[in-house]
């Protein structure tokens, strides 16, 4: 499939051939859902905890006599039924990690990339051309590409000019193609990718096959 390559001024410079095996994959909501859910679950610390009755201090003495008070009988002030007592069936530390195999991750990434291409939300740029830190430059590039307000920029760079120039822009992200996953792509409305990043992403997906 042919795709337009533009420069930072939004002008078309040439066309390239995008591999069908990466950018023309049918939508698979089940795979996307399972992979994104696993990414989110794996970020959970699982350190939440509430005190059981064995952990609440006090409670050695019966709080009031068995009969004659009109209250329900109680044997410990640590009971979940008592003020200041324990929590019944509360959360305890646990591991939320979910395992995803490599083929699922690869397929989910291809589905997310194909979805951007299918809805014309994939912008291919020849080069971001940055030799200094400049948020103004990034804003001008986003404006030339259609006044993008929610975009993920990806470029295979050795410097951090693009990252540091865009990190304080609201709803604009910058990632290396080797670090990008399906959840990152779905989080942003538009994916802006350079030709070097396109090549690196193709090599990454090819190497995993």
N, C-alpha and C. Protein backbone atom coordinates (compact mmCIF):
# COMPACT_ATOMS: atom_id res chain seq x y z
N UNK A 1 0.84 -1.19 0.00
CA UNK A 1 0.00 0.00 0.00
C UNK A 1 0.88 1.24 0.00
N UNK A 2 0.55 2.19 -0.88
CA UNK A 2 1.35 3.41 -1.01
C UNK A 2 0.90 4.44 0.03
N UNK A 3 1.89 5.18 0.53
CA UNK A 3 1.61 6.19 1.56
C UNK A 3 2.44 7.43 1.29
N UNK A 4 1.82 8.60 1.49
CA UNK A 4 2.51 9.87 1.25
C UNK A 4 3.52 10.16 2.35
N UNK A 5 4.66 10.68 1.94
CA UNK A 5 5.67 11.17 2.89
C UNK A 5 5.68 12.69 2.79
N UNK A 6 5.56 13.35 3.95
CA UNK A 6 5.55 14.82 3.96
C UNK A 6 6.76 15.33 4.72
N UNK A 7 7.05 16.60 4.54
CA UNK A 7 8.11 17.24 5.32
C UNK A 7 7.50 17.97 6.51
N UNK A 8 8.33 18.67 7.27
CA UNK A 8 7.83 19.32 8.49
C UNK A 8 6.95 20.53 8.19
N UNK A 9 6.90 20.93 6.92
CA UNK A 9 6.00 22.03 6.52
C UNK A 9 4.68 21.51 5.99
N UNK A 10 4.49 20.20 6.04
CA UNK A 10 3.24 19.60 5.59
C UNK A 10 3.15 19.38 4.10
N UNK A 11 4.27 19.50 3.38
CA UNK A 11 4.27 19.34 1.93
C UNK A 11 4.65 17.91 1.56
N UNK A 12 3.95 17.36 0.59
CA UNK A 12 4.25 16.01 0.12
C UNK A 12 5.57 16.02 -0.65
N UNK A 13 6.45 15.07 -0.30
CA UNK A 13 7.75 15.00 -0.97
C UNK A 13 7.89 13.74 -1.83
N UNK A 14 7.23 12.66 -1.45
CA UNK A 14 7.27 11.42 -2.23
C UNK A 14 6.27 10.42 -1.67
N UNK A 15 6.27 9.24 -2.26
CA UNK A 15 5.44 8.13 -1.79
C UNK A 15 6.33 6.94 -1.46
N UNK A 16 5.91 6.19 -0.45
CA UNK A 16 6.62 4.96 -0.11
C UNK A 16 5.62 3.81 -0.05
N UNK A 17 6.14 2.62 -0.05
CA UNK A 17 5.30 1.43 0.02
C UNK A 17 5.30 0.91 1.45
N UNK A 18 4.13 0.90 2.08
CA UNK A 18 4.00 0.34 3.43
C UNK A 18 3.69 -1.15 3.32
N UNK A 19 4.36 -1.96 4.13
CA UNK A 19 4.11 -3.41 4.06
C UNK A 19 2.69 -3.76 4.51
N UNK A 20 2.02 -4.54 3.68
CA UNK A 20 0.64 -4.93 3.99
C UNK A 20 0.56 -5.77 5.26
N UNK A 21 1.62 -6.54 5.52
CA UNK A 21 1.61 -7.45 6.67
C UNK A 21 1.64 -6.71 8.00
N UNK A 22 1.98 -5.40 7.96
CA UNK A 22 2.05 -4.61 9.20
C UNK A 22 0.95 -3.55 9.25
N UNK A 23 0.67 -2.90 8.12
CA UNK A 23 -0.22 -1.75 8.11
C UNK A 23 -1.58 -2.02 7.44
N UNK A 24 -1.86 -3.29 7.16
CA UNK A 24 -3.17 -3.63 6.59
C UNK A 24 -3.68 -4.93 7.20
N UNK A 25 -3.63 -4.99 8.53
CA UNK A 25 -4.09 -6.17 9.27
C UNK A 25 -5.52 -5.92 9.74
N UNK A 26 -6.36 -6.93 9.63
CA UNK A 26 -7.76 -6.80 10.05
C UNK A 26 -7.87 -6.49 11.54
N UNK A 27 -8.91 -5.74 11.90
CA UNK A 27 -9.14 -5.42 13.30
C UNK A 27 -9.40 -6.70 14.10
N UNK A 28 -8.76 -6.78 15.26
CA UNK A 28 -8.93 -7.92 16.17
C UNK A 28 -9.09 -7.35 17.58
N UNK A 29 -10.32 -7.06 17.93
CA UNK A 29 -10.59 -6.41 19.22
C UNK A 29 -10.23 -7.32 20.40
N UNK A 30 -10.39 -8.62 20.22
CA UNK A 30 -10.11 -9.55 21.32
C UNK A 30 -8.63 -9.51 21.69
N UNK A 31 -7.76 -9.52 20.69
CA UNK A 31 -6.32 -9.47 20.96
C UNK A 31 -5.93 -8.13 21.56
N UNK A 32 -6.45 -7.04 20.99
CA UNK A 32 -6.14 -5.71 21.52
C UNK A 32 -6.57 -5.60 22.98
N UNK A 33 -7.77 -6.07 23.28
CA UNK A 33 -8.28 -5.97 24.65
C UNK A 33 -7.43 -6.76 25.62
N UNK A 34 -7.09 -7.99 25.26
CA UNK A 34 -6.31 -8.83 26.18
C UNK A 34 -4.91 -8.28 26.41
N UNK A 35 -4.29 -7.76 25.34
CA UNK A 35 -2.92 -7.25 25.47
C UNK A 35 -2.89 -5.94 26.26
N UNK A 36 -3.80 -5.02 25.93
CA UNK A 36 -3.84 -3.74 26.65
C UNK A 36 -4.19 -3.95 28.12
N UNK A 37 -5.13 -4.86 28.37
CA UNK A 37 -5.50 -5.17 29.76
C UNK A 37 -4.30 -5.73 30.53
N UNK A 38 -3.51 -6.56 29.87
CA UNK A 38 -2.32 -7.12 30.52
C UNK A 38 -1.27 -6.05 30.79
N UNK A 39 -1.07 -5.13 29.83
CA UNK A 39 -0.13 -4.02 30.06
C UNK A 39 -0.54 -3.21 31.29
N UNK A 40 -1.82 -2.90 31.40
CA UNK A 40 -2.30 -2.11 32.52
C UNK A 40 -2.21 -2.88 33.83
N UNK A 41 -2.52 -4.17 33.79
CA UNK A 41 -2.45 -4.99 35.00
C UNK A 41 -1.02 -5.14 35.48
N UNK A 42 -0.07 -5.23 34.56
CA UNK A 42 1.33 -5.42 34.93
C UNK A 42 1.95 -4.18 35.56
N UNK A 43 1.30 -3.03 35.39
CA UNK A 43 1.79 -1.80 36.03
C UNK A 43 1.28 -1.66 37.46
N UNK A 44 0.31 -2.46 37.85
CA UNK A 44 -0.24 -2.35 39.20
C UNK A 44 0.75 -2.89 40.23
N UNK A 45 0.94 -2.14 41.31
CA UNK A 45 1.87 -2.57 42.34
C UNK A 45 1.30 -3.69 43.20
N UNK A 46 0.02 -3.66 43.44
CA UNK A 46 -0.59 -4.70 44.26
C UNK A 46 -0.20 -4.64 45.72
N UNK A 47 0.16 -3.44 46.21
CA UNK A 47 0.60 -3.31 47.61
C UNK A 47 -0.53 -2.87 48.54
N UNK A 48 -1.76 -2.84 48.03
CA UNK A 48 -2.89 -2.43 48.87
C UNK A 48 -3.11 -3.45 49.99
N UNK A 49 -3.52 -2.98 51.14
CA UNK A 49 -3.73 -3.89 52.27
C UNK A 49 -4.64 -3.24 53.30
N UNK A 50 -5.52 -4.03 53.88
CA UNK A 50 -6.32 -3.61 55.02
C UNK A 50 -6.03 -4.54 56.18
N UNK A 51 -6.27 -4.08 57.40
CA UNK A 51 -5.96 -4.87 58.57
C UNK A 51 -7.07 -5.89 58.85
N UNK A 52 -6.65 -7.12 59.04
CA UNK A 52 -7.59 -8.15 59.51
C UNK A 52 -7.68 -8.05 61.04
N UNK A 53 -8.56 -8.84 61.63
CA UNK A 53 -8.74 -8.74 63.09
C UNK A 53 -7.50 -9.20 63.85
N UNK A 54 -6.64 -9.97 63.20
CA UNK A 54 -5.41 -10.39 63.87
C UNK A 54 -4.36 -9.28 63.87
N UNK A 55 -4.56 -8.22 63.07
CA UNK A 55 -3.59 -7.14 62.96
C UNK A 55 -4.01 -5.88 63.72
N UNK A 56 -5.31 -5.75 64.04
CA UNK A 56 -5.79 -4.56 64.75
C UNK A 56 -5.38 -4.66 66.22
N UNK A 57 -4.84 -3.55 66.73
CA UNK A 57 -4.39 -3.56 68.13
C UNK A 57 -5.58 -3.56 69.08
N UNK A 58 -5.35 -4.07 70.28
CA UNK A 58 -6.40 -4.10 71.31
C UNK A 58 -7.26 -5.35 71.17
N UNK A 59 -8.39 -5.29 71.83
CA UNK A 59 -9.35 -6.38 71.70
C UNK A 59 -9.15 -7.54 72.65
N UNK A 60 -8.28 -7.38 73.62
CA UNK A 60 -8.06 -8.49 74.54
C UNK A 60 -9.20 -8.68 75.53
N UNK A 61 -9.92 -7.62 75.79
CA UNK A 61 -10.99 -7.68 76.78
C UNK A 61 -12.35 -7.66 76.09
N UNK A 62 -13.28 -8.39 76.64
CA UNK A 62 -14.64 -8.37 76.11
C UNK A 62 -15.19 -6.95 76.25
N UNK A 63 -15.70 -6.34 75.18
CA UNK A 63 -16.05 -4.91 75.23
C UNK A 63 -17.19 -4.58 76.19
N UNK A 64 -18.17 -5.45 76.35
CA UNK A 64 -19.24 -5.25 77.34
C UNK A 64 -19.81 -6.61 77.71
N UNK A 65 -20.58 -6.61 78.78
CA UNK A 65 -21.07 -7.90 79.28
C UNK A 65 -21.99 -8.58 78.29
N UNK A 66 -22.14 -9.85 78.46
CA UNK A 66 -22.87 -10.68 77.49
C UNK A 66 -24.35 -10.31 77.44
N UNK A 67 -24.97 -10.08 78.59
CA UNK A 67 -26.42 -9.87 78.65
C UNK A 67 -26.77 -8.53 79.31
N UNK A 68 -27.95 -8.07 79.01
CA UNK A 68 -28.48 -6.93 79.73
C UNK A 68 -28.21 -5.58 79.13
N UNK A 69 -27.43 -5.49 78.06
CA UNK A 69 -27.13 -4.17 77.49
C UNK A 69 -28.07 -3.83 76.33
N UNK A 70 -28.75 -4.83 75.79
CA UNK A 70 -29.60 -4.61 74.62
C UNK A 70 -28.83 -4.65 73.31
N UNK A 71 -27.52 -4.77 73.38
CA UNK A 71 -26.70 -4.84 72.17
C UNK A 71 -26.42 -6.30 71.80
N UNK A 72 -26.03 -6.49 70.57
CA UNK A 72 -25.63 -7.83 70.15
C UNK A 72 -24.36 -8.22 70.89
N UNK A 73 -24.27 -9.48 71.25
CA UNK A 73 -23.11 -9.94 72.03
C UNK A 73 -21.82 -9.82 71.22
N UNK A 74 -20.77 -9.37 71.86
CA UNK A 74 -19.47 -9.19 71.23
C UNK A 74 -18.38 -9.74 72.14
N UNK A 75 -17.38 -10.36 71.50
CA UNK A 75 -16.28 -10.91 72.29
C UNK A 75 -14.98 -10.16 72.10
N UNK A 76 -14.93 -9.26 71.13
CA UNK A 76 -13.68 -8.55 70.87
C UNK A 76 -13.97 -7.22 70.19
N UNK A 77 -13.23 -6.20 70.56
CA UNK A 77 -13.38 -4.91 69.91
C UNK A 77 -12.69 -4.88 68.55
N UNK A 78 -11.96 -5.95 68.21
CA UNK A 78 -11.31 -6.05 66.91
C UNK A 78 -12.25 -6.62 65.84
N UNK A 79 -13.45 -6.96 66.20
CA UNK A 79 -14.41 -7.51 65.24
C UNK A 79 -14.75 -6.48 64.16
N UNK A 80 -14.97 -6.91 62.92
CA UNK A 80 -15.39 -5.98 61.87
C UNK A 80 -16.71 -5.28 62.17
N UNK A 81 -17.47 -5.80 63.11
CA UNK A 81 -18.76 -5.21 63.46
C UNK A 81 -18.63 -4.05 64.44
N UNK A 82 -17.44 -3.87 65.00
CA UNK A 82 -17.23 -2.85 66.02
C UNK A 82 -16.51 -1.62 65.43
N UNK A 83 -16.85 -0.42 65.92
CA UNK A 83 -16.12 0.77 65.49
C UNK A 83 -14.64 0.64 65.82
N UNK A 84 -13.79 0.95 64.85
CA UNK A 84 -12.35 0.81 65.04
C UNK A 84 -11.85 -0.60 64.87
N UNK A 85 -12.74 -1.49 64.46
CA UNK A 85 -12.35 -2.88 64.30
C UNK A 85 -11.71 -3.14 62.94
N UNK A 86 -11.58 -4.42 62.64
CA UNK A 86 -10.91 -4.83 61.41
C UNK A 86 -11.83 -4.65 60.20
N UNK A 87 -11.27 -4.88 59.03
CA UNK A 87 -12.04 -4.87 57.78
C UNK A 87 -12.25 -6.30 57.32
N UNK A 88 -13.50 -6.63 57.05
CA UNK A 88 -13.81 -7.99 56.59
C UNK A 88 -13.63 -8.09 55.08
N UNK A 89 -12.92 -9.08 54.63
CA UNK A 89 -12.73 -9.38 53.20
C UNK A 89 -12.13 -8.18 52.45
N UNK A 90 -11.26 -7.42 53.10
CA UNK A 90 -10.62 -6.28 52.44
C UNK A 90 -9.50 -6.72 51.53
N UNK A 91 -8.99 -5.80 50.70
CA UNK A 91 -7.89 -6.15 49.78
C UNK A 91 -6.61 -6.48 50.53
N UNK A 92 -5.88 -7.43 50.00
CA UNK A 92 -4.60 -7.84 50.55
C UNK A 92 -3.56 -7.81 49.43
N UNK A 93 -2.28 -7.68 49.77
CA UNK A 93 -1.25 -7.64 48.73
C UNK A 93 -1.34 -8.85 47.80
N UNK A 94 -1.25 -8.58 46.50
CA UNK A 94 -1.33 -9.66 45.51
C UNK A 94 -0.60 -9.24 44.24
N UNK A 95 -0.32 -10.19 43.41
CA UNK A 95 0.36 -9.96 42.14
C UNK A 95 -0.67 -9.99 41.02
N UNK A 96 -0.79 -8.87 40.30
CA UNK A 96 -1.77 -8.76 39.22
C UNK A 96 -1.18 -9.13 37.85
N UNK A 97 0.06 -9.54 37.81
CA UNK A 97 0.74 -9.73 36.54
C UNK A 97 0.04 -10.76 35.67
N UNK A 98 -0.07 -10.41 34.39
CA UNK A 98 -0.63 -11.32 33.39
C UNK A 98 0.43 -11.57 32.32
N UNK A 99 0.55 -12.80 31.90
CA UNK A 99 1.55 -13.15 30.90
C UNK A 99 0.98 -12.98 29.49
N UNK A 100 1.75 -12.33 28.62
CA UNK A 100 1.37 -12.21 27.21
C UNK A 100 2.51 -12.80 26.39
N UNK A 101 2.18 -13.66 25.46
CA UNK A 101 3.26 -14.20 24.64
C UNK A 101 3.66 -13.22 23.55
N UNK A 102 4.81 -13.47 22.95
CA UNK A 102 5.39 -12.54 21.99
C UNK A 102 4.52 -12.38 20.74
N UNK A 103 3.89 -13.44 20.29
CA UNK A 103 3.06 -13.37 19.10
C UNK A 103 1.84 -12.47 19.33
N UNK A 104 1.27 -12.53 20.53
CA UNK A 104 0.13 -11.67 20.84
C UNK A 104 0.54 -10.21 20.84
N UNK A 105 1.68 -9.90 21.46
CA UNK A 105 2.16 -8.52 21.48
C UNK A 105 2.40 -8.00 20.06
N UNK A 106 3.02 -8.84 19.26
CA UNK A 106 3.31 -8.46 17.88
C UNK A 106 2.04 -8.22 17.08
N UNK A 107 1.07 -9.13 17.23
CA UNK A 107 -0.19 -8.98 16.50
C UNK A 107 -0.95 -7.74 16.95
N UNK A 108 -0.98 -7.48 18.27
CA UNK A 108 -1.69 -6.31 18.78
C UNK A 108 -1.06 -5.02 18.26
N UNK A 109 0.27 -4.98 18.16
CA UNK A 109 0.96 -3.80 17.63
C UNK A 109 0.61 -3.60 16.16
N UNK A 110 0.56 -4.68 15.40
CA UNK A 110 0.19 -4.58 13.98
C UNK A 110 -1.25 -4.12 13.82
N UNK A 111 -2.15 -4.63 14.65
CA UNK A 111 -3.56 -4.24 14.58
C UNK A 111 -3.72 -2.76 14.89
N UNK A 112 -2.99 -2.27 15.90
CA UNK A 112 -3.08 -0.86 16.27
C UNK A 112 -2.52 0.03 15.15
N UNK A 113 -1.40 -0.36 14.54
CA UNK A 113 -0.83 0.41 13.44
C UNK A 113 -1.77 0.41 12.23
N UNK A 114 -2.37 -0.75 11.95
CA UNK A 114 -3.29 -0.85 10.82
C UNK A 114 -4.54 0.00 11.05
N UNK A 115 -4.97 0.08 12.30
CA UNK A 115 -6.16 0.89 12.60
C UNK A 115 -5.88 2.37 12.34
N UNK A 116 -4.67 2.83 12.69
CA UNK A 116 -4.31 4.22 12.41
C UNK A 116 -4.27 4.48 10.91
N UNK A 117 -3.68 3.53 10.17
CA UNK A 117 -3.60 3.69 8.71
C UNK A 117 -4.99 3.65 8.08
N UNK A 118 -5.83 2.77 8.56
CA UNK A 118 -7.17 2.62 7.99
C UNK A 118 -8.00 3.89 8.16
N UNK A 119 -7.82 4.59 9.28
CA UNK A 119 -8.59 5.80 9.55
C UNK A 119 -7.81 7.07 9.20
N UNK A 120 -6.72 6.91 8.43
CA UNK A 120 -5.93 8.07 7.98
C UNK A 120 -5.39 8.88 9.15
N UNK A 121 -5.04 8.19 10.22
CA UNK A 121 -4.46 8.84 11.39
C UNK A 121 -2.97 8.53 11.52
N UNK A 122 -2.38 8.06 10.43
CA UNK A 122 -0.95 7.79 10.38
C UNK A 122 -0.29 8.82 9.46
N UNK A 123 0.64 9.57 10.02
CA UNK A 123 1.35 10.60 9.25
C UNK A 123 2.82 10.21 9.17
N UNK A 124 3.32 10.11 7.95
CA UNK A 124 4.71 9.73 7.72
C UNK A 124 5.50 10.97 7.31
N UNK A 125 6.52 11.31 8.11
CA UNK A 125 7.32 12.50 7.86
C UNK A 125 8.75 12.08 7.53
N UNK A 126 9.38 12.81 6.62
CA UNK A 126 10.73 12.41 6.20
C UNK A 126 11.76 12.62 7.31
N UNK A 127 11.67 13.73 8.02
CA UNK A 127 12.62 14.01 9.10
C UNK A 127 12.08 15.15 9.95
N UNK A 128 12.29 15.06 11.26
CA UNK A 128 11.84 16.14 12.15
C UNK A 128 12.81 17.32 12.15
N UNK A 129 14.02 17.13 11.68
CA UNK A 129 15.02 18.20 11.52
C UNK A 129 15.13 19.05 12.78
N UNK A 130 15.82 18.53 13.79
CA UNK A 130 16.02 19.27 15.04
C UNK A 130 17.48 19.21 15.44
N UNK A 131 18.06 20.37 15.72
CA UNK A 131 19.44 20.42 16.21
C UNK A 131 19.55 21.22 17.50
N UNK A 132 18.38 21.52 18.11
CA UNK A 132 18.36 22.22 19.39
C UNK A 132 17.01 21.96 20.06
N UNK A 133 16.90 22.34 21.32
CA UNK A 133 15.65 22.19 22.05
C UNK A 133 14.72 23.34 21.69
N UNK A 134 13.53 23.03 21.20
CA UNK A 134 12.60 24.08 20.79
C UNK A 134 11.17 23.55 20.78
N UNK A 135 10.42 23.91 21.80
CA UNK A 135 9.01 23.53 21.84
C UNK A 135 8.24 24.26 20.73
N UNK A 136 8.67 25.47 20.42
CA UNK A 136 8.03 26.25 19.36
C UNK A 136 8.15 25.53 18.02
N UNK A 137 9.28 24.91 17.78
CA UNK A 137 9.48 24.16 16.54
C UNK A 137 8.51 22.99 16.45
N UNK A 138 8.36 22.25 17.55
CA UNK A 138 7.43 21.10 17.56
C UNK A 138 6.00 21.57 17.33
N UNK A 139 5.63 22.69 17.95
CA UNK A 139 4.28 23.24 17.75
C UNK A 139 4.04 23.63 16.29
N UNK A 140 5.06 24.20 15.66
CA UNK A 140 4.91 24.59 14.26
C UNK A 140 4.77 23.37 13.37
N UNK A 141 5.49 22.30 13.70
CA UNK A 141 5.39 21.05 12.92
C UNK A 141 3.99 20.45 13.07
N UNK A 142 3.49 20.42 14.29
CA UNK A 142 2.14 19.88 14.52
C UNK A 142 1.08 20.73 13.82
N UNK A 143 1.29 22.04 13.80
CA UNK A 143 0.36 22.92 13.10
C UNK A 143 0.37 22.70 11.60
N UNK A 144 1.55 22.48 11.03
CA UNK A 144 1.66 22.25 9.59
C UNK A 144 1.05 20.93 9.16
N UNK A 145 0.97 20.00 10.10
CA UNK A 145 0.40 18.68 9.79
C UNK A 145 -1.09 18.61 10.02
N UNK A 146 -1.72 19.73 10.27
CA UNK A 146 -3.17 19.73 10.46
C UNK A 146 -3.59 20.17 11.85
N UNK A 147 -2.73 20.94 12.52
CA UNK A 147 -3.02 21.44 13.86
C UNK A 147 -3.35 20.30 14.82
N UNK A 148 -2.44 19.33 14.87
CA UNK A 148 -2.65 18.15 15.70
C UNK A 148 -2.66 18.52 17.18
N UNK A 149 -3.64 18.01 17.92
CA UNK A 149 -3.77 18.29 19.35
C UNK A 149 -3.51 17.07 20.22
N UNK A 150 -3.56 15.88 19.59
CA UNK A 150 -3.41 14.64 20.35
C UNK A 150 -2.60 13.68 19.48
N UNK A 151 -1.28 13.68 19.67
CA UNK A 151 -0.43 12.94 18.74
C UNK A 151 0.73 12.27 19.47
N UNK A 152 1.14 11.14 18.91
CA UNK A 152 2.34 10.43 19.37
C UNK A 152 3.40 10.55 18.29
N UNK A 153 4.55 11.12 18.66
CA UNK A 153 5.65 11.30 17.72
C UNK A 153 6.70 10.23 17.98
N UNK A 154 7.15 9.60 16.93
CA UNK A 154 8.18 8.57 17.10
C UNK A 154 9.27 8.75 16.06
N UNK A 155 10.52 8.73 16.51
CA UNK A 155 11.66 8.92 15.63
C UNK A 155 12.84 8.15 16.22
N UNK A 156 13.65 7.59 15.34
CA UNK A 156 14.85 6.86 15.77
C UNK A 156 15.99 7.84 15.87
N UNK A 157 16.14 8.47 17.04
CA UNK A 157 17.14 9.52 17.22
C UNK A 157 18.12 9.13 18.33
N UNK A 158 19.35 9.63 18.19
CA UNK A 158 20.34 9.43 19.24
C UNK A 158 20.34 10.58 20.24
N UNK A 159 19.78 11.73 19.85
CA UNK A 159 19.71 12.87 20.76
C UNK A 159 18.33 12.92 21.41
N UNK A 160 18.17 13.85 22.34
CA UNK A 160 16.88 13.99 23.05
C UNK A 160 16.20 15.32 22.72
N UNK A 161 16.55 15.92 21.57
CA UNK A 161 15.96 17.21 21.21
C UNK A 161 14.45 17.12 21.06
N UNK A 162 13.97 16.09 20.37
CA UNK A 162 12.53 15.95 20.14
C UNK A 162 11.80 15.66 21.44
N UNK A 163 12.35 14.74 22.24
CA UNK A 163 11.68 14.37 23.48
C UNK A 163 11.55 15.55 24.44
N UNK A 164 12.64 16.26 24.67
CA UNK A 164 12.62 17.36 25.64
C UNK A 164 11.86 18.57 25.11
N UNK A 165 11.76 18.70 23.80
CA UNK A 165 11.02 19.83 23.23
C UNK A 165 9.52 19.61 23.27
N UNK A 166 9.09 18.35 23.34
CA UNK A 166 7.66 18.05 23.29
C UNK A 166 7.09 17.55 24.61
N UNK A 167 7.94 17.32 25.62
CA UNK A 167 7.45 16.67 26.83
C UNK A 167 6.51 17.54 27.66
N UNK A 168 6.55 18.86 27.48
CA UNK A 168 5.66 19.71 28.25
C UNK A 168 4.43 20.13 27.46
N UNK A 169 4.22 19.51 26.28
CA UNK A 169 3.01 19.77 25.49
C UNK A 169 1.91 18.82 25.92
N UNK A 170 0.74 19.37 26.18
CA UNK A 170 -0.39 18.56 26.63
C UNK A 170 -0.86 17.61 25.54
N UNK A 171 -1.01 16.34 25.88
CA UNK A 171 -1.53 15.31 24.98
C UNK A 171 -0.64 15.10 23.76
N UNK A 172 0.67 15.31 23.93
CA UNK A 172 1.64 15.00 22.89
C UNK A 172 2.71 14.13 23.52
N UNK A 173 2.97 12.97 22.92
CA UNK A 173 3.96 12.05 23.45
C UNK A 173 5.06 11.79 22.45
N UNK A 174 6.23 11.39 22.95
CA UNK A 174 7.37 11.05 22.11
C UNK A 174 7.92 9.71 22.57
N UNK A 175 8.09 8.78 21.63
CA UNK A 175 8.61 7.46 21.97
C UNK A 175 9.53 6.96 20.89
N UNK A 176 10.46 6.10 21.27
CA UNK A 176 11.29 5.40 20.30
C UNK A 176 10.49 4.24 19.71
N UNK A 177 10.72 3.89 18.45
CA UNK A 177 9.96 2.79 17.85
C UNK A 177 10.21 1.45 18.54
N UNK A 178 11.35 1.30 19.18
CA UNK A 178 11.64 0.06 19.87
C UNK A 178 10.91 -0.08 21.19
N UNK A 179 10.39 1.05 21.72
CA UNK A 179 9.70 1.03 23.02
C UNK A 179 8.19 1.08 22.87
N UNK A 180 7.71 1.36 21.68
CA UNK A 180 6.29 1.59 21.46
C UNK A 180 5.52 0.27 21.48
N UNK A 181 4.33 0.30 22.10
CA UNK A 181 3.46 -0.87 22.07
C UNK A 181 2.05 -0.45 21.66
N UNK A 182 1.17 -1.42 21.58
CA UNK A 182 -0.19 -1.16 21.09
C UNK A 182 -0.95 -0.19 21.99
N UNK A 183 -0.74 -0.25 23.30
CA UNK A 183 -1.44 0.66 24.21
C UNK A 183 -1.01 2.10 23.97
N UNK A 184 0.28 2.32 23.72
CA UNK A 184 0.77 3.68 23.45
C UNK A 184 0.12 4.24 22.20
N UNK A 185 -0.01 3.43 21.16
CA UNK A 185 -0.60 3.90 19.91
C UNK A 185 -2.07 4.23 20.09
N UNK A 186 -2.80 3.40 20.81
CA UNK A 186 -4.24 3.62 20.99
C UNK A 186 -4.53 4.81 21.90
N UNK A 187 -3.57 5.18 22.73
CA UNK A 187 -3.80 6.29 23.67
C UNK A 187 -3.89 7.63 22.95
N UNK A 188 -3.26 7.73 21.78
CA UNK A 188 -3.22 9.00 21.04
C UNK A 188 -4.05 8.88 19.76
N UNK A 189 -4.61 9.99 19.35
CA UNK A 189 -5.47 10.00 18.17
C UNK A 189 -4.67 9.83 16.88
N UNK A 190 -3.50 10.46 16.79
CA UNK A 190 -2.71 10.45 15.56
C UNK A 190 -1.30 9.94 15.86
N UNK A 191 -0.77 9.14 14.94
CA UNK A 191 0.60 8.65 15.05
C UNK A 191 1.44 9.33 13.97
N UNK A 192 2.46 10.08 14.40
CA UNK A 192 3.39 10.75 13.48
C UNK A 192 4.72 10.02 13.56
N UNK A 193 5.12 9.41 12.46
CA UNK A 193 6.31 8.55 12.47
C UNK A 193 7.27 8.98 11.38
N UNK A 194 8.55 9.02 11.70
CA UNK A 194 9.56 9.39 10.72
C UNK A 194 9.95 8.17 9.89
N UNK A 195 10.63 8.41 8.78
CA UNK A 195 11.03 7.30 7.92
C UNK A 195 12.04 6.39 8.61
N UNK A 196 12.93 6.96 9.40
CA UNK A 196 13.90 6.12 10.12
C UNK A 196 13.19 5.25 11.15
N UNK A 197 12.17 5.82 11.81
CA UNK A 197 11.40 5.05 12.78
C UNK A 197 10.58 3.97 12.09
N UNK A 198 10.06 4.30 10.90
CA UNK A 198 9.29 3.33 10.13
C UNK A 198 10.16 2.11 9.79
N UNK A 199 11.40 2.38 9.38
CA UNK A 199 12.31 1.29 9.06
C UNK A 199 12.67 0.47 10.30
N UNK A 200 12.91 1.16 11.43
CA UNK A 200 13.25 0.46 12.66
C UNK A 200 12.07 -0.38 13.15
N UNK A 201 10.86 0.14 13.01
CA UNK A 201 9.68 -0.60 13.43
C UNK A 201 9.47 -1.83 12.57
N UNK A 202 9.73 -1.69 11.26
CA UNK A 202 9.61 -2.84 10.37
C UNK A 202 10.63 -3.92 10.70
N UNK A 203 11.87 -3.53 11.03
CA UNK A 203 12.88 -4.49 11.42
C UNK A 203 12.52 -5.17 12.73
N UNK A 204 11.96 -4.40 13.66
CA UNK A 204 11.56 -4.97 14.95
C UNK A 204 10.48 -6.03 14.77
N UNK A 205 9.46 -5.72 13.99
CA UNK A 205 8.38 -6.67 13.78
C UNK A 205 8.84 -7.86 12.94
N UNK A 206 9.79 -7.61 12.03
CA UNK A 206 10.31 -8.71 11.22
C UNK A 206 11.16 -9.65 12.03
N UNK A 207 11.94 -9.10 12.97
CA UNK A 207 12.82 -9.92 13.79
C UNK A 207 12.05 -10.78 14.76
N UNK A 208 10.84 -10.31 15.16
CA UNK A 208 10.06 -11.07 16.13
C UNK A 208 9.25 -12.19 15.48
N UNK A 209 9.14 -12.20 14.14
CA UNK A 209 8.32 -13.19 13.48
C UNK A 209 9.01 -14.54 13.46
